[in-house]
Amino acid sequence: MAIRDILQYPDPRLRTPAKRVDVIDERIKALISDMFETMYDAPGIGLAATQIDVHEQVVVMDISDNADQPQVLINPEIIDRDDACDIAEEGCLSIVGYADNVERPIAVTVRGLNAEGEAFEQRFEGLHARCIQHELDHLAGRLFIDHLSALKRNRLRRRFEKAARQRGEPPLKTGAV
């Protein structure tokens, strides 16, 4: 197991869509183990492989208070969303120090594979549903800030680019904001 570096906004690699996992082999199992170690160390409640520069459809989550309910989603897809939505604050391990309110459906049904490669279909509600939607956005190359107004996104991008310049990092071409 190893703690991996988490890509930080505005790194353009965060915008790379993830590919489906064809085989759950030792490499994928090692990736899952590294992702949990990285997520718990951060600390966070969810992590998409995209965030550690692995562009495959793998998500790990644990929304429990005691970090004792790990969950793996491989090739996850939302097959149903509730019409009812709520607005809640979200943050991201790839956008450290920033959080904002995002509107999302309060429940989703997800189909995918677990860590053993077994198919599942499950309905998730509340924070669990929000976390899944947030992580699946990552797999599609989207960030939670994409749900904000263009004005907020542009201000945030400029703030993070300025901070990178002040640290002496080279400018990144960010593409979409």
N, C-alpha and C. Protein backbone atom coordinates (compact mmCIF):
# COMPACT_ATOMS: atom_id res chain seq x y z
N MET A 1 0.84 -1.18 0.00
CA MET A 1 0.00 0.00 0.00
C MET A 1 0.88 1.24 0.00
N ALA A 2 0.36 2.28 -0.67
CA ALA A 2 1.11 3.52 -0.75
C ALA A 2 0.16 4.70 -0.83
N ILE A 3 0.59 5.78 -0.22
CA ILE A 3 -0.17 7.02 -0.34
C ILE A 3 0.27 7.69 -1.64
N ARG A 4 -0.70 7.99 -2.48
CA ARG A 4 -0.42 8.60 -3.78
C ARG A 4 -0.65 10.11 -3.70
N ASP A 5 0.00 10.83 -4.59
CA ASP A 5 -0.23 12.27 -4.71
C ASP A 5 -1.60 12.52 -5.33
N ILE A 6 -2.32 13.46 -4.78
CA ILE A 6 -3.63 13.85 -5.30
C ILE A 6 -3.44 15.07 -6.20
N LEU A 7 -3.89 14.95 -7.44
CA LEU A 7 -3.80 16.07 -8.36
C LEU A 7 -4.58 17.26 -7.80
N GLN A 8 -4.04 18.45 -8.00
CA GLN A 8 -4.66 19.66 -7.49
C GLN A 8 -5.13 20.56 -8.62
N TYR A 9 -6.33 21.10 -8.46
CA TYR A 9 -6.88 22.07 -9.39
C TYR A 9 -5.93 23.25 -9.49
N PRO A 10 -5.64 23.76 -10.67
CA PRO A 10 -6.28 23.55 -11.96
C PRO A 10 -5.58 22.55 -12.88
N ASP A 11 -4.93 21.54 -12.33
CA ASP A 11 -4.22 20.55 -13.15
C ASP A 11 -5.16 20.00 -14.24
N PRO A 12 -4.78 20.09 -15.51
CA PRO A 12 -5.67 19.65 -16.59
C PRO A 12 -5.93 18.14 -16.61
N ARG A 13 -5.10 17.37 -15.93
CA ARG A 13 -5.33 15.92 -15.88
C ARG A 13 -6.62 15.57 -15.14
N LEU A 14 -7.10 16.49 -14.30
CA LEU A 14 -8.38 16.27 -13.62
C LEU A 14 -9.55 16.26 -14.60
N ARG A 15 -9.32 16.76 -15.80
CA ARG A 15 -10.38 16.83 -16.82
C ARG A 15 -10.36 15.62 -17.76
N THR A 16 -9.50 14.65 -17.51
CA THR A 16 -9.39 13.47 -18.36
C THR A 16 -10.47 12.45 -18.00
N PRO A 17 -11.35 12.10 -18.95
CA PRO A 17 -12.36 11.07 -18.66
C PRO A 17 -11.70 9.71 -18.43
N ALA A 18 -12.24 8.97 -17.50
CA ALA A 18 -11.70 7.65 -17.15
C ALA A 18 -12.26 6.57 -18.08
N LYS A 19 -11.44 5.56 -18.29
CA LYS A 19 -11.84 4.41 -19.13
C LYS A 19 -12.36 3.29 -18.24
N ARG A 20 -13.21 2.46 -18.83
CA ARG A 20 -13.76 1.31 -18.11
C ARG A 20 -12.65 0.34 -17.74
N VAL A 21 -12.83 -0.34 -16.63
CA VAL A 21 -11.92 -1.38 -16.20
C VAL A 21 -12.40 -2.69 -16.82
N ASP A 22 -11.52 -3.34 -17.57
CA ASP A 22 -11.89 -4.60 -18.23
C ASP A 22 -11.64 -5.81 -17.36
N VAL A 23 -10.55 -5.77 -16.57
CA VAL A 23 -10.17 -6.92 -15.74
C VAL A 23 -9.81 -6.43 -14.35
N ILE A 24 -10.38 -7.07 -13.35
CA ILE A 24 -10.02 -6.74 -11.97
C ILE A 24 -8.92 -7.70 -11.56
N ASP A 25 -7.69 -7.23 -11.74
CA ASP A 25 -6.52 -8.06 -11.47
C ASP A 25 -5.76 -7.51 -10.27
N GLU A 26 -4.57 -8.02 -10.04
CA GLU A 26 -3.78 -7.57 -8.88
C GLU A 26 -3.44 -6.09 -8.98
N ARG A 27 -3.24 -5.57 -10.21
CA ARG A 27 -2.95 -4.16 -10.38
C ARG A 27 -4.11 -3.30 -9.89
N ILE A 28 -5.34 -3.68 -10.25
CA ILE A 28 -6.53 -2.93 -9.81
C ILE A 28 -6.70 -3.07 -8.30
N LYS A 29 -6.47 -4.24 -7.77
CA LYS A 29 -6.60 -4.42 -6.32
C LYS A 29 -5.57 -3.58 -5.56
N ALA A 30 -4.35 -3.49 -6.11
CA ALA A 30 -3.33 -2.64 -5.49
C ALA A 30 -3.73 -1.17 -5.59
N LEU A 31 -4.30 -0.78 -6.74
CA LEU A 31 -4.80 0.58 -6.92
C LEU A 31 -5.86 0.90 -5.86
N ILE A 32 -6.80 -0.01 -5.67
CA ILE A 32 -7.86 0.19 -4.68
C ILE A 32 -7.26 0.38 -3.28
N SER A 33 -6.30 -0.46 -2.95
CA SER A 33 -5.65 -0.36 -1.64
C SER A 33 -4.96 0.99 -1.48
N ASP A 34 -4.23 1.42 -2.51
CA ASP A 34 -3.56 2.73 -2.47
C ASP A 34 -4.58 3.86 -2.36
N MET A 35 -5.69 3.72 -3.07
CA MET A 35 -6.71 4.77 -3.04
C MET A 35 -7.31 4.91 -1.64
N PHE A 36 -7.60 3.79 -0.98
CA PHE A 36 -8.12 3.88 0.39
C PHE A 36 -7.09 4.53 1.31
N GLU A 37 -5.85 4.10 1.21
CA GLU A 37 -4.82 4.68 2.07
C GLU A 37 -4.69 6.18 1.82
N THR A 38 -4.73 6.59 0.57
CA THR A 38 -4.63 8.00 0.20
C THR A 38 -5.83 8.78 0.72
N MET A 39 -7.03 8.23 0.52
CA MET A 39 -8.25 8.91 0.95
C MET A 39 -8.28 9.09 2.47
N TYR A 40 -7.98 8.02 3.21
CA TYR A 40 -8.01 8.11 4.67
C TYR A 40 -6.94 9.08 5.19
N ASP A 41 -5.78 9.11 4.53
CA ASP A 41 -4.71 9.99 4.95
C ASP A 41 -5.04 11.46 4.71
N ALA A 42 -5.84 11.75 3.69
CA ALA A 42 -6.05 13.13 3.23
C ALA A 42 -6.62 14.09 4.30
N PRO A 43 -7.61 13.85 5.07
CA PRO A 43 -8.60 12.78 5.04
C PRO A 43 -9.80 13.18 4.20
N GLY A 44 -10.46 12.17 3.63
CA GLY A 44 -11.64 12.42 2.83
C GLY A 44 -12.62 11.27 2.96
N ILE A 45 -13.77 11.42 2.27
CA ILE A 45 -14.79 10.37 2.32
C ILE A 45 -14.96 9.69 0.97
N GLY A 46 -14.27 10.20 -0.05
CA GLY A 46 -14.36 9.59 -1.37
C GLY A 46 -13.16 10.01 -2.21
N LEU A 47 -12.80 9.12 -3.14
CA LEU A 47 -11.67 9.40 -4.03
C LEU A 47 -11.89 8.65 -5.33
N ALA A 48 -11.74 9.35 -6.43
CA ALA A 48 -11.80 8.74 -7.76
C ALA A 48 -10.38 8.54 -8.26
N ALA A 49 -10.15 7.47 -9.00
CA ALA A 49 -8.82 7.18 -9.51
C ALA A 49 -8.26 8.35 -10.32
N THR A 50 -9.13 9.08 -11.01
CA THR A 50 -8.71 10.24 -11.78
C THR A 50 -7.92 11.22 -10.92
N GLN A 51 -8.29 11.35 -9.66
CA GLN A 51 -7.63 12.31 -8.77
C GLN A 51 -6.19 11.95 -8.45
N ILE A 52 -5.82 10.68 -8.67
CA ILE A 52 -4.42 10.29 -8.46
C ILE A 52 -3.76 9.97 -9.80
N ASP A 53 -4.31 10.53 -10.86
CA ASP A 53 -3.75 10.44 -12.21
C ASP A 53 -3.79 9.02 -12.77
N VAL A 54 -4.80 8.26 -12.38
CA VAL A 54 -5.08 6.95 -12.98
C VAL A 54 -6.47 7.08 -13.60
N HIS A 55 -6.54 7.03 -14.90
CA HIS A 55 -7.78 7.37 -15.59
C HIS A 55 -8.57 6.12 -15.94
N GLU A 56 -8.98 5.42 -14.86
CA GLU A 56 -9.81 4.23 -14.95
C GLU A 56 -10.98 4.41 -14.00
N GLN A 57 -12.09 3.76 -14.31
CA GLN A 57 -13.32 3.97 -13.55
C GLN A 57 -13.32 3.18 -12.24
N VAL A 58 -12.63 3.76 -11.27
CA VAL A 58 -12.56 3.17 -9.93
C VAL A 58 -12.79 4.29 -8.92
N VAL A 59 -13.69 4.03 -7.97
CA VAL A 59 -14.00 4.97 -6.90
C VAL A 59 -13.95 4.22 -5.58
N VAL A 60 -13.39 4.87 -4.56
CA VAL A 60 -13.46 4.34 -3.20
C VAL A 60 -14.17 5.39 -2.35
N MET A 61 -14.92 4.90 -1.36
CA MET A 61 -15.67 5.79 -0.47
C MET A 61 -15.77 5.16 0.91
N ASP A 62 -15.91 6.02 1.88
CA ASP A 62 -16.24 5.59 3.23
C ASP A 62 -16.80 6.80 3.95
N ILE A 63 -18.13 6.85 4.06
CA ILE A 63 -18.76 8.02 4.68
C ILE A 63 -19.04 7.79 6.17
N SER A 64 -18.59 6.66 6.70
CA SER A 64 -18.85 6.36 8.11
C SER A 64 -18.02 7.28 9.02
N ASP A 65 -18.51 7.49 10.22
CA ASP A 65 -17.81 8.32 11.19
C ASP A 65 -16.51 7.69 11.65
N ASN A 66 -16.45 6.37 11.66
CA ASN A 66 -15.28 5.66 12.17
C ASN A 66 -14.36 5.13 11.08
N ALA A 67 -14.61 5.50 9.83
CA ALA A 67 -13.81 5.02 8.70
C ALA A 67 -13.71 3.50 8.71
N ASP A 68 -14.87 2.86 8.88
CA ASP A 68 -14.88 1.39 8.96
C ASP A 68 -15.90 0.76 8.02
N GLN A 69 -16.35 1.52 7.00
CA GLN A 69 -17.30 1.00 6.03
C GLN A 69 -16.83 1.30 4.61
N PRO A 70 -15.65 0.77 4.25
CA PRO A 70 -15.12 1.07 2.91
C PRO A 70 -15.99 0.47 1.81
N GLN A 71 -16.10 1.20 0.72
CA GLN A 71 -16.89 0.74 -0.41
C GLN A 71 -16.12 1.03 -1.69
N VAL A 72 -16.16 0.06 -2.61
CA VAL A 72 -15.49 0.18 -3.90
C VAL A 72 -16.53 0.13 -5.00
N LEU A 73 -16.40 1.04 -5.97
CA LEU A 73 -17.27 1.04 -7.14
C LEU A 73 -16.37 1.02 -8.38
N ILE A 74 -16.53 0.00 -9.20
CA ILE A 74 -15.78 -0.12 -10.43
C ILE A 74 -16.77 -0.03 -11.59
N ASN A 75 -16.42 0.77 -12.58
CA ASN A 75 -17.31 1.03 -13.72
C ASN A 75 -18.70 1.46 -13.27
N PRO A 76 -18.78 2.36 -12.29
CA PRO A 76 -20.11 2.75 -11.80
C PRO A 76 -20.84 3.64 -12.78
N GLU A 77 -22.15 3.47 -12.81
CA GLU A 77 -22.98 4.37 -13.61
C GLU A 77 -24.28 4.61 -12.88
N ILE A 78 -24.73 5.85 -12.93
CA ILE A 78 -26.01 6.20 -12.33
C ILE A 78 -27.09 5.84 -13.33
N ILE A 79 -28.01 4.98 -12.89
CA ILE A 79 -29.08 4.54 -13.79
C ILE A 79 -30.42 5.18 -13.46
N ASP A 80 -30.49 5.87 -12.31
CA ASP A 80 -31.71 6.58 -11.95
C ASP A 80 -31.37 7.66 -10.94
N ARG A 81 -32.02 8.81 -11.10
CA ARG A 81 -31.86 9.94 -10.19
C ARG A 81 -33.23 10.37 -9.71
N ASP A 82 -33.34 10.70 -8.42
CA ASP A 82 -34.57 11.28 -7.92
C ASP A 82 -34.79 12.65 -8.55
N ASP A 83 -36.05 13.02 -8.69
CA ASP A 83 -36.36 14.36 -9.16
C ASP A 83 -36.07 15.40 -8.08
N ALA A 84 -36.26 14.99 -6.82
CA ALA A 84 -36.03 15.91 -5.70
C ALA A 84 -34.53 16.15 -5.52
N CYS A 85 -34.18 17.41 -5.31
CA CYS A 85 -32.78 17.79 -5.13
C CYS A 85 -32.63 18.55 -3.82
N ASP A 86 -31.40 18.62 -3.35
CA ASP A 86 -31.10 19.51 -2.24
C ASP A 86 -29.77 20.19 -2.52
N ILE A 87 -29.53 21.22 -1.75
CA ILE A 87 -28.30 21.99 -1.89
C ILE A 87 -27.50 21.79 -0.61
N ALA A 88 -26.23 21.42 -0.79
CA ALA A 88 -25.35 21.23 0.37
C ALA A 88 -23.93 21.61 -0.01
N GLU A 89 -23.14 21.90 1.00
CA GLU A 89 -21.76 22.30 0.78
C GLU A 89 -20.92 21.08 0.41
N GLU A 90 -20.08 21.26 -0.60
CA GLU A 90 -19.13 20.22 -1.01
C GLU A 90 -17.74 20.82 -1.02
N GLY A 91 -16.79 19.96 -0.72
CA GLY A 91 -15.38 20.28 -0.86
C GLY A 91 -14.76 19.16 -1.68
N CYS A 92 -13.46 19.22 -1.90
CA CYS A 92 -12.81 18.23 -2.75
C CYS A 92 -11.34 18.12 -2.37
N LEU A 93 -10.84 16.90 -2.36
CA LEU A 93 -9.43 16.68 -2.06
C LEU A 93 -8.53 17.26 -3.15
N SER A 94 -9.09 17.55 -4.31
CA SER A 94 -8.32 18.15 -5.40
C SER A 94 -8.47 19.67 -5.45
N ILE A 95 -9.29 20.23 -4.57
CA ILE A 95 -9.46 21.69 -4.49
C ILE A 95 -9.42 22.06 -3.01
N VAL A 96 -8.26 21.91 -2.43
CA VAL A 96 -8.08 22.08 -0.99
C VAL A 96 -8.34 23.53 -0.60
N GLY A 97 -9.11 23.69 0.47
CA GLY A 97 -9.35 25.02 1.00
C GLY A 97 -10.54 25.74 0.39
N TYR A 98 -11.32 25.05 -0.43
CA TYR A 98 -12.49 25.69 -1.02
C TYR A 98 -13.67 24.75 -0.92
N ALA A 99 -14.81 25.29 -0.55
CA ALA A 99 -16.07 24.55 -0.52
C ALA A 99 -17.17 25.50 -0.96
N ASP A 100 -18.21 24.93 -1.53
CA ASP A 100 -19.34 25.76 -1.96
C ASP A 100 -20.58 24.89 -2.04
N ASN A 101 -21.73 25.54 -2.10
CA ASN A 101 -23.00 24.82 -2.19
C ASN A 101 -23.24 24.32 -3.61
N VAL A 102 -23.67 23.06 -3.70
CA VAL A 102 -23.95 22.41 -4.97
C VAL A 102 -25.31 21.73 -4.87
N GLU A 103 -26.12 21.88 -5.91
CA GLU A 103 -27.41 21.22 -5.96
C GLU A 103 -27.25 19.87 -6.65
N ARG A 104 -27.79 18.83 -6.01
CA ARG A 104 -27.74 17.47 -6.57
C ARG A 104 -29.01 16.72 -6.18
N PRO A 105 -29.37 15.69 -6.96
CA PRO A 105 -30.48 14.82 -6.56
C PRO A 105 -30.20 14.19 -5.20
N ILE A 106 -31.27 14.01 -4.40
CA ILE A 106 -31.09 13.48 -3.05
C ILE A 106 -30.88 11.97 -3.02
N ALA A 107 -31.18 11.29 -4.13
CA ALA A 107 -30.98 9.84 -4.18
C ALA A 107 -30.65 9.44 -5.62
N VAL A 108 -29.82 8.41 -5.73
CA VAL A 108 -29.45 7.87 -7.03
C VAL A 108 -29.39 6.35 -6.93
N THR A 109 -29.62 5.70 -8.07
CA THR A 109 -29.42 4.26 -8.16
C THR A 109 -28.20 4.05 -9.05
N VAL A 110 -27.29 3.23 -8.55
CA VAL A 110 -26.01 3.01 -9.22
C VAL A 110 -25.85 1.53 -9.56
N ARG A 111 -25.29 1.30 -10.74
CA ARG A 111 -24.94 -0.05 -11.18
C ARG A 111 -23.43 -0.07 -11.40
N GLY A 112 -22.79 -1.15 -11.01
CA GLY A 112 -21.34 -1.28 -11.21
C GLY A 112 -20.85 -2.62 -10.69
N LEU A 113 -19.55 -2.66 -10.43
CA LEU A 113 -18.91 -3.85 -9.88
C LEU A 113 -18.28 -3.49 -8.55
N ASN A 114 -18.21 -4.47 -7.64
CA ASN A 114 -17.50 -4.25 -6.39
C ASN A 114 -16.04 -4.70 -6.57
N ALA A 115 -15.28 -4.69 -5.50
CA ALA A 115 -13.85 -5.01 -5.57
C ALA A 115 -13.59 -6.44 -6.02
N GLU A 116 -14.57 -7.32 -5.83
CA GLU A 116 -14.41 -8.72 -6.25
C GLU A 116 -14.91 -8.95 -7.67
N GLY A 117 -15.37 -7.90 -8.30
CA GLY A 117 -15.87 -8.02 -9.67
C GLY A 117 -17.31 -8.45 -9.75
N GLU A 118 -18.01 -8.47 -8.63
CA GLU A 118 -19.42 -8.86 -8.59
C GLU A 118 -20.29 -7.66 -8.93
N ALA A 119 -21.25 -7.88 -9.81
CA ALA A 119 -22.16 -6.82 -10.21
C ALA A 119 -23.09 -6.43 -9.06
N PHE A 120 -23.40 -5.16 -8.97
CA PHE A 120 -24.38 -4.70 -7.98
C PHE A 120 -25.23 -3.60 -8.60
N GLU A 121 -26.39 -3.41 -8.03
CA GLU A 121 -27.27 -2.29 -8.33
C GLU A 121 -27.85 -1.87 -7.00
N GLN A 122 -27.65 -0.60 -6.64
CA GLN A 122 -28.04 -0.16 -5.30
C GLN A 122 -28.50 1.29 -5.33
N ARG A 123 -29.49 1.58 -4.48
CA ARG A 123 -29.98 2.95 -4.32
C ARG A 123 -29.25 3.57 -3.14
N PHE A 124 -28.79 4.81 -3.33
CA PHE A 124 -28.09 5.54 -2.30
C PHE A 124 -28.81 6.85 -2.05
N GLU A 125 -28.83 7.29 -0.80
CA GLU A 125 -29.53 8.51 -0.43
C GLU A 125 -28.62 9.41 0.39
N GLY A 126 -29.01 10.68 0.48
CA GLY A 126 -28.33 11.63 1.35
C GLY A 126 -26.86 11.83 1.00
N LEU A 127 -26.02 11.88 2.04
CA LEU A 127 -24.60 12.10 1.85
C LEU A 127 -23.97 11.04 0.95
N HIS A 128 -24.42 9.81 1.09
CA HIS A 128 -23.91 8.72 0.26
C HIS A 128 -24.17 9.02 -1.22
N ALA A 129 -25.37 9.45 -1.54
CA ALA A 129 -25.72 9.79 -2.93
C ALA A 129 -24.90 10.98 -3.41
N ARG A 130 -24.74 11.98 -2.56
CA ARG A 130 -23.96 13.16 -2.93
C ARG A 130 -22.51 12.77 -3.21
N CYS A 131 -21.93 11.96 -2.36
CA CYS A 131 -20.54 11.54 -2.53
C CYS A 131 -20.36 10.77 -3.84
N ILE A 132 -21.28 9.85 -4.12
CA ILE A 132 -21.20 9.08 -5.36
C ILE A 132 -21.27 10.00 -6.58
N GLN A 133 -22.20 10.94 -6.57
CA GLN A 133 -22.33 11.85 -7.71
C GLN A 133 -21.06 12.69 -7.88
N HIS A 134 -20.49 13.13 -6.78
CA HIS A 134 -19.26 13.92 -6.81
C HIS A 134 -18.12 13.10 -7.43
N GLU A 135 -17.96 11.85 -6.98
CA GLU A 135 -16.86 11.01 -7.48
C GLU A 135 -17.09 10.59 -8.93
N LEU A 136 -18.33 10.32 -9.31
CA LEU A 136 -18.59 9.97 -10.71
C LEU A 136 -18.36 11.16 -11.63
N ASP A 137 -18.58 12.37 -11.12
CA ASP A 137 -18.19 13.55 -11.90
C ASP A 137 -16.70 13.50 -12.22
N HIS A 138 -15.87 13.16 -11.22
CA HIS A 138 -14.43 13.06 -11.46
C HIS A 138 -14.13 12.07 -12.59
N LEU A 139 -14.80 10.93 -12.59
CA LEU A 139 -14.54 9.93 -13.63
C LEU A 139 -14.88 10.45 -15.02
N ALA A 140 -15.78 11.42 -15.08
CA ALA A 140 -16.18 12.02 -16.36
C ALA A 140 -15.34 13.27 -16.70
N GLY A 141 -14.37 13.59 -15.83
CA GLY A 141 -13.55 14.77 -16.07
C GLY A 141 -14.18 16.07 -15.62
N ARG A 142 -15.15 15.96 -14.72
CA ARG A 142 -15.82 17.16 -14.18
C ARG A 142 -15.44 17.33 -12.71
N LEU A 143 -15.58 18.56 -12.24
CA LEU A 143 -15.33 18.90 -10.84
C LEU A 143 -16.59 19.50 -10.25
N PHE A 144 -16.68 19.48 -8.93
CA PHE A 144 -17.89 20.03 -8.31
C PHE A 144 -18.06 21.50 -8.65
N ILE A 145 -16.98 22.20 -8.90
CA ILE A 145 -17.08 23.62 -9.24
C ILE A 145 -17.75 23.84 -10.59
N ASP A 146 -17.83 22.80 -11.42
CA ASP A 146 -18.53 22.92 -12.70
C ASP A 146 -20.03 23.14 -12.49
N HIS A 147 -20.52 22.88 -11.30
CA HIS A 147 -21.93 23.09 -10.97
C HIS A 147 -22.18 24.51 -10.47
N LEU A 148 -21.12 25.31 -10.36
CA LEU A 148 -21.23 26.69 -9.89
C LEU A 148 -21.37 27.64 -11.08
N SER A 149 -21.64 28.89 -10.79
CA SER A 149 -21.76 29.88 -11.86
C SER A 149 -20.39 30.10 -12.51
N ALA A 150 -20.41 30.58 -13.74
CA ALA A 150 -19.16 30.87 -14.46
C ALA A 150 -18.34 31.91 -13.70
N LEU A 151 -19.00 32.88 -13.11
CA LEU A 151 -18.30 33.91 -12.35
C LEU A 151 -17.51 33.30 -11.19
N LYS A 152 -18.15 32.43 -10.42
CA LYS A 152 -17.47 31.78 -9.29
C LYS A 152 -16.32 30.90 -9.78
N ARG A 153 -16.54 30.15 -10.86
CA ARG A 153 -15.49 29.28 -11.40
C ARG A 153 -14.28 30.09 -11.85
N ASN A 154 -14.53 31.19 -12.54
CA ASN A 154 -13.42 32.02 -13.03
C ASN A 154 -12.64 32.66 -11.89
N ARG A 155 -13.34 33.12 -10.87
CA ARG A 155 -12.66 33.69 -9.70
C ARG A 155 -11.80 32.63 -9.02
N LEU A 156 -12.36 31.45 -8.87
CA LEU A 156 -11.63 30.36 -8.22
C LEU A 156 -10.40 29.97 -9.03
N ARG A 157 -10.54 29.84 -10.34
CA ARG A 157 -9.41 29.48 -11.20
C ARG A 157 -8.30 30.51 -11.07
N ARG A 158 -8.65 31.79 -11.12
CA ARG A 158 -7.64 32.84 -11.00
C ARG A 158 -6.94 32.78 -9.64
N ARG A 159 -7.71 32.53 -8.59
CA ARG A 159 -7.14 32.44 -7.25
C ARG A 159 -6.13 31.30 -7.15
N PHE A 160 -6.49 30.13 -7.69
CA PHE A 160 -5.61 28.98 -7.62
C PHE A 160 -4.39 29.13 -8.55
N GLU A 161 -4.58 29.75 -9.70
CA GLU A 161 -3.44 30.01 -10.59
C GLU A 161 -2.47 30.99 -9.96
N LYS A 162 -2.97 32.03 -9.30
CA LYS A 162 -2.12 33.00 -8.62
C LYS A 162 -1.33 32.33 -7.51
N ALA A 163 -1.98 31.47 -6.73
CA ALA A 163 -1.29 30.76 -5.65
C ALA A 163 -0.18 29.87 -6.21
N ALA A 164 -0.43 29.23 -7.34
CA ALA A 164 0.59 28.38 -7.97
C ALA A 164 1.78 29.24 -8.42
N ARG A 165 1.51 30.39 -9.01
CA ARG A 165 2.59 31.30 -9.43
C ARG A 165 3.43 31.73 -8.23
N GLN A 166 2.75 32.04 -7.13
CA GLN A 166 3.46 32.49 -5.93
C GLN A 166 4.34 31.39 -5.35
N ARG A 167 3.95 30.13 -5.60
CA ARG A 167 4.78 28.99 -5.16
C ARG A 167 5.89 28.69 -6.17
N GLY A 168 5.90 29.42 -7.30
CA GLY A 168 6.92 29.20 -8.31
C GLY A 168 6.63 28.06 -9.26
N GLU A 169 5.37 27.60 -9.28
CA GLU A 169 5.00 26.52 -10.19
C GLU A 169 4.73 27.08 -11.57
N PRO A 170 5.06 26.31 -12.61
CA PRO A 170 4.78 26.80 -13.98
C PRO A 170 3.29 26.87 -14.22
N PRO A 171 2.85 27.80 -15.07
CA PRO A 171 1.42 27.88 -15.36
C PRO A 171 0.94 26.64 -16.11
N LEU A 172 -0.28 26.23 -15.80
CA LEU A 172 -0.89 25.08 -16.48
C LEU A 172 -1.94 25.57 -17.45
N LYS A 173 -2.06 24.88 -18.55
CA LYS A 173 -3.16 25.16 -19.47
C LYS A 173 -4.35 24.37 -18.94
N THR A 174 -5.38 25.08 -18.52
CA THR A 174 -6.48 24.41 -17.84
C THR A 174 -7.63 24.03 -18.75
N GLY A 175 -7.68 24.53 -19.95
CA GLY A 175 -8.84 24.21 -20.80
C GLY A 175 -10.09 24.77 -20.19
N ALA A 176 -11.08 23.90 -19.99
CA ALA A 176 -12.36 24.33 -19.40
C ALA A 176 -12.15 24.71 -17.94
N VAL A 177 -12.92 25.69 -17.50
CA VAL A 177 -12.84 26.10 -16.10
C VAL A 177 -13.88 25.40 -15.28
